[in-house]
C-alpha cells in the first residue's frame, strides 16, 4: 500500500499558509547566507514545496526579496513612527533619520542586507518610491525631493557610520535640521 504524504497546507487559508511558509523560509536563508547567495530552489526546499508552488504563490526571487524587505521595513516604520510622533518640523526630521538608522541597524534582515550590499547597490534603495513615501510620512515633509534626500542621508549613515550615536546626532542636527526649517 502506498504511503500517503501529509499535505503541509491543510486547514485554513491555503494561499496565506503557503505564502507565510515560503517567506519564512526565505527570511531564514537570507539571514543565514545573505540575499545574493540564496536561490529559489533552496527556498522551495526549505519551505517543503516545489519551485512551481513557490512561483505560483509568491513569484520569483525578486518578489521574495521585496516581500521580506517590505516586512522588515514595516517593522522599522512602526518603530520610527512611535519615536517621532510627538515631534514636528526640523526636530521631527532629525529624530526620524536617527530613529530610522537605529531601527535598521537593530533589524536582522535589513542590517544584514545593508552589510552585504556594495556601495553601487544603493540605486535600488535611493530610487525606491516606497522608501521616499515612508520618509515623507515619517518626517512630515510634502516635498518629494526632500524625502528622497532623507533616504540618502539614512543610507549614508548606514553605509558610512560615524564613530558613535552622539556624533551622528550632532551631524544630523547641524547639517540636516536647518534644511527643513521652512519645508515642514
N, C-alpha and C. Protein backbone atom coordinates (compact mmCIF):
# COMPACT_ATOMS: atom_id res chain seq x y z
N UNK A 1 0.84 -1.17 0.00
CA UNK A 1 0.00 0.00 0.00
C UNK A 1 0.90 1.24 0.00
N UNK A 2 0.58 2.20 -0.86
CA UNK A 2 1.37 3.43 -0.95
C UNK A 2 1.14 4.31 0.27
N UNK A 3 2.22 4.86 0.74
CA UNK A 3 2.12 5.73 1.90
C UNK A 3 1.67 7.13 1.47
N UNK A 4 0.68 7.65 2.17
CA UNK A 4 0.18 8.98 1.84
C UNK A 4 1.07 10.04 2.48
N UNK A 5 1.34 11.08 1.68
CA UNK A 5 2.10 12.22 2.22
C UNK A 5 1.13 13.20 2.84
N UNK A 6 1.54 13.75 3.95
CA UNK A 6 0.71 14.74 4.61
C UNK A 6 0.82 16.07 3.85
N UNK A 7 -0.31 16.70 3.61
CA UNK A 7 -0.34 17.99 2.92
C UNK A 7 0.03 19.08 3.91
N UNK A 8 1.12 19.79 3.65
CA UNK A 8 1.59 20.81 4.57
C UNK A 8 0.74 22.06 4.55
N UNK A 9 -0.24 22.12 3.64
CA UNK A 9 -1.10 23.30 3.56
C UNK A 9 -2.53 23.02 4.01
N UNK A 10 -2.75 21.91 4.69
CA UNK A 10 -4.12 21.59 5.10
C UNK A 10 -4.60 22.53 6.18
N UNK A 11 -5.89 22.78 6.13
CA UNK A 11 -6.51 23.64 7.14
C UNK A 11 -6.29 25.11 6.86
N UNK A 12 -7.30 25.91 7.08
CA UNK A 12 -7.15 27.35 6.94
C UNK A 12 -7.03 27.81 5.50
N UNK A 13 -6.53 28.99 5.33
CA UNK A 13 -6.33 29.59 4.01
C UNK A 13 -5.04 29.04 3.42
N UNK A 14 -5.17 28.19 2.42
CA UNK A 14 -4.01 27.52 1.82
C UNK A 14 -3.02 28.52 1.24
N UNK A 15 -3.51 29.54 0.55
CA UNK A 15 -2.62 30.51 -0.06
C UNK A 15 -1.84 31.28 1.00
N UNK A 16 -2.53 31.75 2.03
CA UNK A 16 -1.87 32.51 3.09
C UNK A 16 -0.84 31.64 3.81
N UNK A 17 -1.19 30.37 4.03
CA UNK A 17 -0.26 29.46 4.69
C UNK A 17 0.98 29.22 3.83
N UNK A 18 0.77 29.07 2.52
CA UNK A 18 1.90 28.86 1.60
C UNK A 18 2.80 30.08 1.57
N UNK A 19 2.21 31.25 1.44
CA UNK A 19 3.00 32.49 1.39
C UNK A 19 3.79 32.67 2.68
N UNK A 20 3.15 32.48 3.82
CA UNK A 20 3.83 32.64 5.11
C UNK A 20 4.99 31.65 5.24
N UNK A 21 4.76 30.41 4.86
CA UNK A 21 5.80 29.40 4.98
C UNK A 21 6.98 29.69 4.05
N UNK A 22 6.68 30.08 2.82
CA UNK A 22 7.73 30.37 1.85
C UNK A 22 8.52 31.61 2.28
N UNK A 23 7.82 32.66 2.69
CA UNK A 23 8.51 33.88 3.13
C UNK A 23 9.35 33.63 4.39
N UNK A 24 8.86 32.80 5.27
CA UNK A 24 9.63 32.45 6.47
C UNK A 24 10.90 31.70 6.09
N UNK A 25 10.78 30.76 5.17
CA UNK A 25 11.96 30.01 4.71
C UNK A 25 12.96 30.95 4.04
N UNK A 26 12.45 31.87 3.23
CA UNK A 26 13.33 32.83 2.56
C UNK A 26 14.05 33.70 3.59
N UNK A 27 13.33 34.17 4.57
CA UNK A 27 13.93 35.02 5.61
C UNK A 27 15.04 34.27 6.33
N UNK A 28 14.79 33.03 6.70
CA UNK A 28 15.81 32.22 7.39
C UNK A 28 17.06 32.08 6.52
N UNK A 29 16.86 31.72 5.28
CA UNK A 29 18.00 31.53 4.38
C UNK A 29 18.74 32.83 4.11
N UNK A 30 18.01 33.93 3.92
CA UNK A 30 18.65 35.23 3.69
C UNK A 30 19.51 35.62 4.88
N UNK A 31 19.01 35.35 6.07
CA UNK A 31 19.79 35.67 7.27
C UNK A 31 21.01 34.77 7.41
N UNK A 32 20.86 33.51 7.05
CA UNK A 32 21.98 32.57 7.17
C UNK A 32 23.08 32.86 6.16
N UNK A 33 22.69 33.13 4.90
CA UNK A 33 23.69 33.18 3.83
C UNK A 33 23.72 34.48 3.05
N UNK A 34 22.80 35.38 3.31
CA UNK A 34 22.75 36.61 2.54
C UNK A 34 21.81 36.47 1.35
N UNK A 35 21.13 37.54 1.01
CA UNK A 35 20.14 37.51 -0.06
C UNK A 35 20.73 37.08 -1.38
N UNK A 36 21.90 37.59 -1.70
CA UNK A 36 22.50 37.30 -3.01
C UNK A 36 22.98 35.86 -3.15
N UNK A 37 23.08 35.14 -2.05
CA UNK A 37 23.62 33.78 -2.08
C UNK A 37 22.54 32.70 -1.94
N UNK A 38 21.29 33.08 -2.14
CA UNK A 38 20.19 32.13 -1.99
C UNK A 38 19.36 32.12 -3.27
N UNK A 39 19.03 30.92 -3.73
CA UNK A 39 18.19 30.77 -4.92
C UNK A 39 16.80 30.27 -4.57
N UNK A 40 15.88 30.37 -5.53
CA UNK A 40 14.51 29.95 -5.28
C UNK A 40 14.40 28.45 -5.01
N UNK A 41 15.26 27.65 -5.61
CA UNK A 41 15.21 26.21 -5.35
C UNK A 41 15.49 25.91 -3.88
N UNK A 42 16.45 26.64 -3.32
CA UNK A 42 16.77 26.45 -1.90
C UNK A 42 15.63 26.89 -1.00
N UNK A 43 14.98 27.98 -1.36
CA UNK A 43 13.83 28.47 -0.58
C UNK A 43 12.71 27.45 -0.64
N UNK A 44 12.42 26.95 -1.85
CA UNK A 44 11.36 25.95 -2.01
C UNK A 44 11.67 24.70 -1.18
N UNK A 45 12.92 24.25 -1.22
CA UNK A 45 13.30 23.06 -0.44
C UNK A 45 13.12 23.31 1.05
N UNK A 46 13.54 24.48 1.53
CA UNK A 46 13.41 24.81 2.96
C UNK A 46 11.94 24.89 3.36
N UNK A 47 11.10 25.42 2.45
CA UNK A 47 9.67 25.55 2.74
C UNK A 47 8.93 24.23 2.59
N UNK A 48 9.56 23.26 1.96
CA UNK A 48 8.92 21.96 1.76
C UNK A 48 7.91 21.97 0.63
N UNK A 49 8.19 22.79 -0.38
CA UNK A 49 7.27 22.85 -1.52
C UNK A 49 8.08 22.78 -2.82
N UNK A 50 7.38 22.73 -3.92
CA UNK A 50 8.06 22.70 -5.21
C UNK A 50 8.36 24.13 -5.66
N UNK A 51 9.24 24.21 -6.63
CA UNK A 51 9.57 25.51 -7.24
C UNK A 51 8.30 26.12 -7.86
N UNK A 52 7.48 25.27 -8.47
CA UNK A 52 6.23 25.75 -9.09
C UNK A 52 5.30 26.35 -8.05
N UNK A 53 5.22 25.73 -6.89
CA UNK A 53 4.38 26.27 -5.81
C UNK A 53 4.90 27.62 -5.35
N UNK A 54 6.20 27.72 -5.22
CA UNK A 54 6.81 28.99 -4.82
C UNK A 54 6.45 30.08 -5.83
N UNK A 55 6.65 29.82 -7.10
CA UNK A 55 6.34 30.81 -8.14
C UNK A 55 4.85 31.15 -8.17
N UNK A 56 4.00 30.16 -7.99
CA UNK A 56 2.56 30.38 -8.03
C UNK A 56 2.10 31.28 -6.88
N UNK A 57 2.69 31.11 -5.71
CA UNK A 57 2.21 31.85 -4.54
C UNK A 57 2.95 33.16 -4.26
N UNK A 58 4.22 33.24 -4.61
CA UNK A 58 4.96 34.47 -4.32
C UNK A 58 5.66 35.08 -5.51
N UNK A 59 5.82 34.37 -6.58
CA UNK A 59 6.57 34.89 -7.72
C UNK A 59 8.02 34.43 -7.61
N UNK A 60 8.91 35.11 -8.27
CA UNK A 60 10.31 34.74 -8.29
C UNK A 60 11.10 35.31 -7.14
N UNK A 61 12.40 35.29 -7.31
CA UNK A 61 13.30 35.74 -6.24
C UNK A 61 13.11 37.21 -5.92
N UNK A 62 12.96 38.05 -6.94
CA UNK A 62 12.81 39.48 -6.65
C UNK A 62 11.54 39.74 -5.84
N UNK A 63 10.48 39.00 -6.10
CA UNK A 63 9.25 39.15 -5.31
C UNK A 63 9.48 38.68 -3.88
N UNK A 64 10.26 37.63 -3.71
CA UNK A 64 10.59 37.15 -2.36
C UNK A 64 11.41 38.18 -1.60
N UNK A 65 12.41 38.73 -2.26
CA UNK A 65 13.26 39.75 -1.63
C UNK A 65 12.40 40.94 -1.24
N UNK A 66 11.55 41.40 -2.16
CA UNK A 66 10.67 42.53 -1.85
C UNK A 66 9.77 42.23 -0.66
N UNK A 67 9.21 41.03 -0.61
CA UNK A 67 8.31 40.67 0.50
C UNK A 67 9.04 40.67 1.84
N UNK A 68 10.22 40.08 1.86
CA UNK A 68 11.00 40.01 3.10
C UNK A 68 11.44 41.41 3.54
N UNK A 69 11.95 42.20 2.59
CA UNK A 69 12.39 43.55 2.93
C UNK A 69 11.22 44.44 3.32
N UNK A 70 10.08 44.28 2.66
CA UNK A 70 8.89 45.08 2.99
C UNK A 70 8.41 44.78 4.41
N UNK A 71 8.44 43.53 4.78
CA UNK A 71 8.02 43.15 6.14
C UNK A 71 8.94 43.79 7.18
N UNK A 72 10.23 43.76 6.94
CA UNK A 72 11.18 44.39 7.85
C UNK A 72 11.02 45.90 7.84
N UNK A 73 10.81 46.48 6.66
CA UNK A 73 10.63 47.93 6.55
C UNK A 73 9.38 48.38 7.31
N UNK A 74 8.34 47.58 7.30
CA UNK A 74 7.13 47.92 8.04
C UNK A 74 7.40 47.95 9.55
N UNK A 75 8.18 47.00 10.02
CA UNK A 75 8.56 46.98 11.43
C UNK A 75 9.37 48.22 11.79
N UNK A 76 10.32 48.56 10.93
CA UNK A 76 11.15 49.76 11.15
C UNK A 76 10.27 51.00 11.14
N UNK A 77 9.36 51.09 10.18
CA UNK A 77 8.46 52.25 10.10
C UNK A 77 7.63 52.42 11.36
N UNK A 78 7.13 51.32 11.88
CA UNK A 78 6.34 51.38 13.13
C UNK A 78 7.18 51.91 14.28
N UNK A 79 8.42 51.44 14.38
CA UNK A 79 9.31 51.91 15.45
C UNK A 79 9.61 53.40 15.31
N UNK A 80 9.89 53.82 14.08
CA UNK A 80 10.21 55.23 13.84
C UNK A 80 8.99 56.11 14.10
N UNK A 81 7.83 55.68 13.63
CA UNK A 81 6.61 56.45 13.86
C UNK A 81 6.36 56.66 15.35
N UNK A 82 6.60 55.62 16.13
CA UNK A 82 6.42 55.75 17.59
C UNK A 82 7.44 56.73 18.18
N UNK A 83 8.63 56.74 17.63
CA UNK A 83 9.69 57.62 18.17
C UNK A 83 9.49 59.08 17.79
N UNK A 84 8.85 59.36 16.67
CA UNK A 84 8.74 60.75 16.19
C UNK A 84 7.36 61.36 16.35
N UNK A 85 6.42 60.59 16.83
CA UNK A 85 5.03 61.04 16.91
C UNK A 85 4.80 62.38 17.58
N UNK A 86 5.57 62.71 18.57
CA UNK A 86 5.35 63.96 19.31
C UNK A 86 6.15 65.14 18.75
N UNK A 87 6.99 64.90 17.77
CA UNK A 87 7.84 65.95 17.21
C UNK A 87 7.24 66.55 15.95
N UNK A 88 7.62 67.79 15.66
CA UNK A 88 7.21 68.46 14.43
C UNK A 88 8.40 69.20 13.84
N UNK A 89 8.23 69.62 12.58
CA UNK A 89 9.23 70.44 11.92
C UNK A 89 10.59 69.76 11.80
N UNK A 90 11.65 70.58 11.85
CA UNK A 90 13.00 70.05 11.68
C UNK A 90 13.36 69.00 12.74
N UNK A 91 12.85 69.16 13.93
CA UNK A 91 13.14 68.18 15.00
C UNK A 91 12.61 66.81 14.62
N UNK A 92 11.42 66.79 14.00
CA UNK A 92 10.84 65.51 13.57
C UNK A 92 11.73 64.87 12.51
N UNK A 93 12.24 65.66 11.57
CA UNK A 93 13.11 65.13 10.52
C UNK A 93 14.37 64.52 11.13
N UNK A 94 15.00 65.26 12.03
CA UNK A 94 16.22 64.78 12.69
C UNK A 94 15.94 63.49 13.44
N UNK A 95 14.89 63.49 14.24
CA UNK A 95 14.57 62.29 15.04
C UNK A 95 14.19 61.11 14.15
N UNK A 96 13.50 61.37 13.03
CA UNK A 96 13.12 60.29 12.11
C UNK A 96 14.36 59.66 11.47
N UNK A 97 15.30 60.49 11.09
CA UNK A 97 16.53 59.97 10.49
C UNK A 97 17.29 59.12 11.50
N UNK A 98 17.48 59.64 12.69
CA UNK A 98 18.24 58.91 13.72
C UNK A 98 17.52 57.64 14.16
N UNK A 99 16.20 57.72 14.31
CA UNK A 99 15.43 56.53 14.70
C UNK A 99 15.45 55.48 13.58
N UNK A 100 15.42 55.93 12.33
CA UNK A 100 15.49 55.00 11.20
C UNK A 100 16.82 54.26 11.18
N UNK A 101 17.89 55.00 11.35
CA UNK A 101 19.22 54.39 11.36
C UNK A 101 19.31 53.35 12.48
N UNK A 102 18.87 53.72 13.67
CA UNK A 102 18.93 52.79 14.81
C UNK A 102 18.05 51.56 14.58
N UNK A 103 16.84 51.77 14.05
CA UNK A 103 15.93 50.65 13.84
C UNK A 103 16.43 49.71 12.74
N UNK A 104 17.01 50.26 11.69
CA UNK A 104 17.55 49.42 10.61
C UNK A 104 18.74 48.62 11.13
N UNK A 105 19.59 49.26 11.91
CA UNK A 105 20.73 48.54 12.48
C UNK A 105 20.28 47.42 13.41
N UNK A 106 19.15 47.60 14.07
CA UNK A 106 18.64 46.59 15.00
C UNK A 106 17.85 45.49 14.31
N UNK A 107 17.40 45.72 13.09
CA UNK A 107 16.60 44.73 12.37
C UNK A 107 17.54 43.71 11.71
N UNK A 108 17.39 42.42 12.03
CA UNK A 108 18.32 41.43 11.49
C UNK A 108 18.35 41.37 9.96
N UNK A 109 17.20 41.43 9.32
CA UNK A 109 17.15 41.31 7.87
C UNK A 109 17.76 42.54 7.21
N UNK A 110 17.32 43.72 7.62
CA UNK A 110 17.80 44.94 6.96
C UNK A 110 19.27 45.21 7.27
N UNK A 111 19.70 44.95 8.48
CA UNK A 111 21.12 45.18 8.78
C UNK A 111 22.00 44.22 8.01
N UNK A 112 21.56 42.99 7.88
CA UNK A 112 22.31 42.00 7.10
C UNK A 112 22.34 42.41 5.63
N UNK A 113 21.21 42.87 5.11
CA UNK A 113 21.13 43.27 3.72
C UNK A 113 22.03 44.48 3.45
N UNK A 114 21.99 45.45 4.33
CA UNK A 114 22.84 46.64 4.16
C UNK A 114 24.32 46.26 4.22
N UNK A 115 24.66 45.33 5.08
CA UNK A 115 26.06 44.94 5.24
C UNK A 115 26.59 44.20 4.01
N UNK A 116 25.71 43.57 3.26
CA UNK A 116 26.16 42.78 2.11
C UNK A 116 25.99 43.50 0.78
N UNK A 117 25.43 44.69 0.79
CA UNK A 117 25.26 45.46 -0.44
C UNK A 117 26.54 46.20 -0.77
N UNK A 118 26.87 46.26 -2.04
CA UNK A 118 28.03 47.05 -2.45
C UNK A 118 27.61 48.52 -2.45
N UNK A 119 28.58 49.42 -2.48
CA UNK A 119 28.24 50.83 -2.49
C UNK A 119 27.45 51.20 -3.73
N UNK A 120 27.59 50.47 -4.81
CA UNK A 120 26.81 50.72 -6.01
C UNK A 120 25.42 50.13 -5.95
N UNK A 121 25.14 49.30 -4.97
CA UNK A 121 23.84 48.65 -4.86
C UNK A 121 22.76 49.52 -4.26
N UNK A 122 23.10 50.74 -3.90
CA UNK A 122 22.12 51.63 -3.28
C UNK A 122 21.13 52.22 -4.26
N UNK A 123 21.36 52.03 -5.56
CA UNK A 123 20.45 52.60 -6.56
C UNK A 123 19.02 52.09 -6.35
N UNK A 124 18.88 50.83 -6.02
CA UNK A 124 17.56 50.25 -5.77
C UNK A 124 16.86 51.01 -4.65
N UNK A 125 17.60 51.31 -3.61
CA UNK A 125 17.01 51.98 -2.45
C UNK A 125 16.77 53.46 -2.69
N UNK A 126 17.74 54.15 -3.28
CA UNK A 126 17.58 55.59 -3.47
C UNK A 126 16.50 55.90 -4.50
N UNK A 127 16.23 54.98 -5.40
CA UNK A 127 15.20 55.21 -6.41
C UNK A 127 13.84 54.68 -5.98
N UNK A 128 13.76 54.05 -4.83
CA UNK A 128 12.52 53.43 -4.39
C UNK A 128 11.46 54.45 -4.01
N UNK A 129 10.33 54.46 -4.75
CA UNK A 129 9.26 55.38 -4.37
C UNK A 129 8.63 54.99 -3.03
N UNK A 130 8.69 53.71 -2.70
CA UNK A 130 8.15 53.25 -1.42
C UNK A 130 8.93 53.88 -0.26
N UNK A 131 10.26 53.84 -0.35
CA UNK A 131 11.07 54.43 0.72
C UNK A 131 10.88 55.93 0.80
N UNK A 132 10.75 56.58 -0.34
CA UNK A 132 10.51 58.03 -0.32
C UNK A 132 9.18 58.35 0.34
N UNK A 133 8.15 57.55 0.05
CA UNK A 133 6.84 57.78 0.69
C UNK A 133 6.93 57.55 2.19
N UNK A 134 7.65 56.51 2.60
CA UNK A 134 7.82 56.25 4.03
C UNK A 134 8.56 57.42 4.68
N UNK A 135 9.63 57.89 4.03
CA UNK A 135 10.39 59.02 4.57
C UNK A 135 9.51 60.26 4.68
N UNK A 136 8.70 60.53 3.67
CA UNK A 136 7.82 61.70 3.70
C UNK A 136 6.81 61.58 4.84
N UNK A 137 6.23 60.41 5.00
CA UNK A 137 5.24 60.21 6.05
C UNK A 137 5.86 60.36 7.44
N UNK A 138 7.01 59.73 7.63
CA UNK A 138 7.63 59.75 8.95
C UNK A 138 8.19 61.11 9.34
N UNK A 139 8.62 61.88 8.36
CA UNK A 139 9.21 63.19 8.67
C UNK A 139 8.21 64.33 8.55
N UNK A 140 7.08 64.08 7.90
CA UNK A 140 6.07 65.11 7.74
C UNK A 140 6.33 66.05 6.58
N UNK A 141 7.27 65.73 5.72
CA UNK A 141 7.54 66.60 4.56
C UNK A 141 6.61 66.24 3.41
N UNK A 142 6.26 67.24 2.62
CA UNK A 142 5.44 67.00 1.43
C UNK A 142 6.27 67.19 0.17
N UNK A 143 7.54 67.43 0.32
CA UNK A 143 8.47 67.66 -0.79
C UNK A 143 9.10 66.33 -1.19
N UNK A 144 8.78 65.85 -2.40
CA UNK A 144 9.29 64.55 -2.86
C UNK A 144 10.82 64.51 -2.92
N UNK A 145 11.43 65.57 -3.40
CA UNK A 145 12.90 65.60 -3.47
C UNK A 145 13.52 65.58 -2.08
N UNK A 146 12.89 66.26 -1.14
CA UNK A 146 13.39 66.25 0.23
C UNK A 146 13.29 64.84 0.82
N UNK A 147 12.19 64.16 0.52
CA UNK A 147 12.03 62.78 1.01
C UNK A 147 13.10 61.86 0.44
N UNK A 148 13.39 62.02 -0.85
CA UNK A 148 14.45 61.22 -1.46
C UNK A 148 15.80 61.54 -0.83
N UNK A 149 16.02 62.79 -0.51
CA UNK A 149 17.28 63.18 0.12
C UNK A 149 17.39 62.58 1.53
N UNK A 150 16.28 62.53 2.24
CA UNK A 150 16.27 61.92 3.57
C UNK A 150 16.67 60.45 3.47
N UNK A 151 16.15 59.75 2.47
CA UNK A 151 16.53 58.34 2.26
C UNK A 151 18.04 58.25 2.05
N UNK A 152 18.60 59.16 1.27
CA UNK A 152 20.04 59.17 1.02
C UNK A 152 20.84 59.44 2.30
N UNK A 153 20.35 60.32 3.14
CA UNK A 153 21.03 60.60 4.41
C UNK A 153 21.05 59.35 5.28
N UNK A 154 19.91 58.68 5.39
CA UNK A 154 19.84 57.44 6.19
C UNK A 154 20.79 56.40 5.61
N UNK A 155 20.77 56.21 4.29
CA UNK A 155 21.66 55.23 3.67
C UNK A 155 23.12 55.60 3.88
N UNK A 156 23.43 56.87 3.83
CA UNK A 156 24.81 57.31 4.06
C UNK A 156 25.27 56.96 5.46
N UNK A 157 24.43 57.21 6.45
CA UNK A 157 24.80 56.89 7.83
C UNK A 157 24.94 55.38 8.02
N UNK A 158 24.13 54.60 7.31
CA UNK A 158 24.23 53.15 7.42
C UNK A 158 25.47 52.62 6.71
N UNK A 159 25.80 53.22 5.58
CA UNK A 159 26.94 52.77 4.79
C UNK A 159 28.27 53.26 5.36
N UNK A 160 28.27 54.50 5.81
CA UNK A 160 29.48 55.10 6.37
C UNK A 160 29.17 55.68 7.75
N UNK A 161 29.04 54.81 8.75
CA UNK A 161 28.65 55.29 10.08
C UNK A 161 29.72 56.20 10.69
N UNK A 162 29.24 57.11 11.50
CA UNK A 162 30.14 57.97 12.26
C UNK A 162 30.56 57.21 13.51
N UNK A 163 31.53 57.74 14.28
CA UNK A 163 32.09 56.98 15.41
C UNK A 163 31.07 56.51 16.45
N UNK A 164 30.02 57.30 16.69
CA UNK A 164 29.05 56.92 17.71
C UNK A 164 27.73 57.66 17.47
N UNK A 165 26.71 57.25 18.23
CA UNK A 165 25.37 57.83 18.05
C UNK A 165 25.36 59.33 18.36
N UNK A 166 26.13 59.77 19.33
CA UNK A 166 26.17 61.20 19.67
C UNK A 166 26.72 62.02 18.51
N UNK A 167 27.74 61.52 17.86
CA UNK A 167 28.31 62.24 16.72
C UNK A 167 27.32 62.26 15.56
N UNK A 168 26.64 61.14 15.33
CA UNK A 168 25.62 61.12 14.27
C UNK A 168 24.52 62.14 14.56
N UNK A 169 24.09 62.21 15.80
CA UNK A 169 23.06 63.18 16.18
C UNK A 169 23.55 64.61 15.92
N UNK A 170 24.75 64.91 16.33
CA UNK A 170 25.29 66.27 16.12
C UNK A 170 25.33 66.62 14.64
N UNK A 171 25.79 65.70 13.81
CA UNK A 171 25.91 65.96 12.37
C UNK A 171 24.53 66.15 11.74
N UNK A 172 23.59 65.28 12.07
CA UNK A 172 22.24 65.40 11.50
C UNK A 172 21.58 66.69 11.97
N UNK A 173 21.71 67.02 13.24
CA UNK A 173 21.13 68.27 13.74
C UNK A 173 21.75 69.48 13.05
N UNK A 174 23.05 69.46 12.87
CA UNK A 174 23.75 70.61 12.31
C UNK A 174 23.50 70.78 10.81
N UNK A 175 23.54 69.67 10.07
CA UNK A 175 23.50 69.79 8.63
C UNK A 175 22.16 69.46 7.98
N UNK A 176 21.33 68.66 8.63
CA UNK A 176 20.05 68.29 8.03
C UNK A 176 18.91 69.14 8.60
N UNK A 177 18.85 69.26 9.90
CA UNK A 177 17.77 70.02 10.54
C UNK A 177 17.52 71.38 9.95
N UNK A 178 18.55 72.21 9.78
CA UNK A 178 18.33 73.56 9.24
C UNK A 178 17.70 73.57 7.84
N UNK A 179 17.93 72.55 7.07
CA UNK A 179 17.36 72.48 5.72
C UNK A 179 15.86 72.29 5.72
N UNK A 180 15.30 71.96 6.86
CA UNK A 180 13.86 71.70 6.94
C UNK A 180 13.11 72.72 7.76
N UNK A 181 13.75 73.82 8.09
CA UNK A 181 13.07 74.86 8.89
C UNK A 181 11.83 75.37 8.16
N UNK A 182 11.90 75.60 6.88
CA UNK A 182 10.75 76.11 6.14
C UNK A 182 10.02 75.05 5.33
N UNK A 183 10.52 73.84 5.28
CA UNK A 183 9.93 72.79 4.44
C UNK A 183 8.81 72.03 5.12
N UNK A 184 8.83 71.91 6.41
CA UNK A 184 7.85 71.06 7.11
C UNK A 184 6.64 71.84 7.54
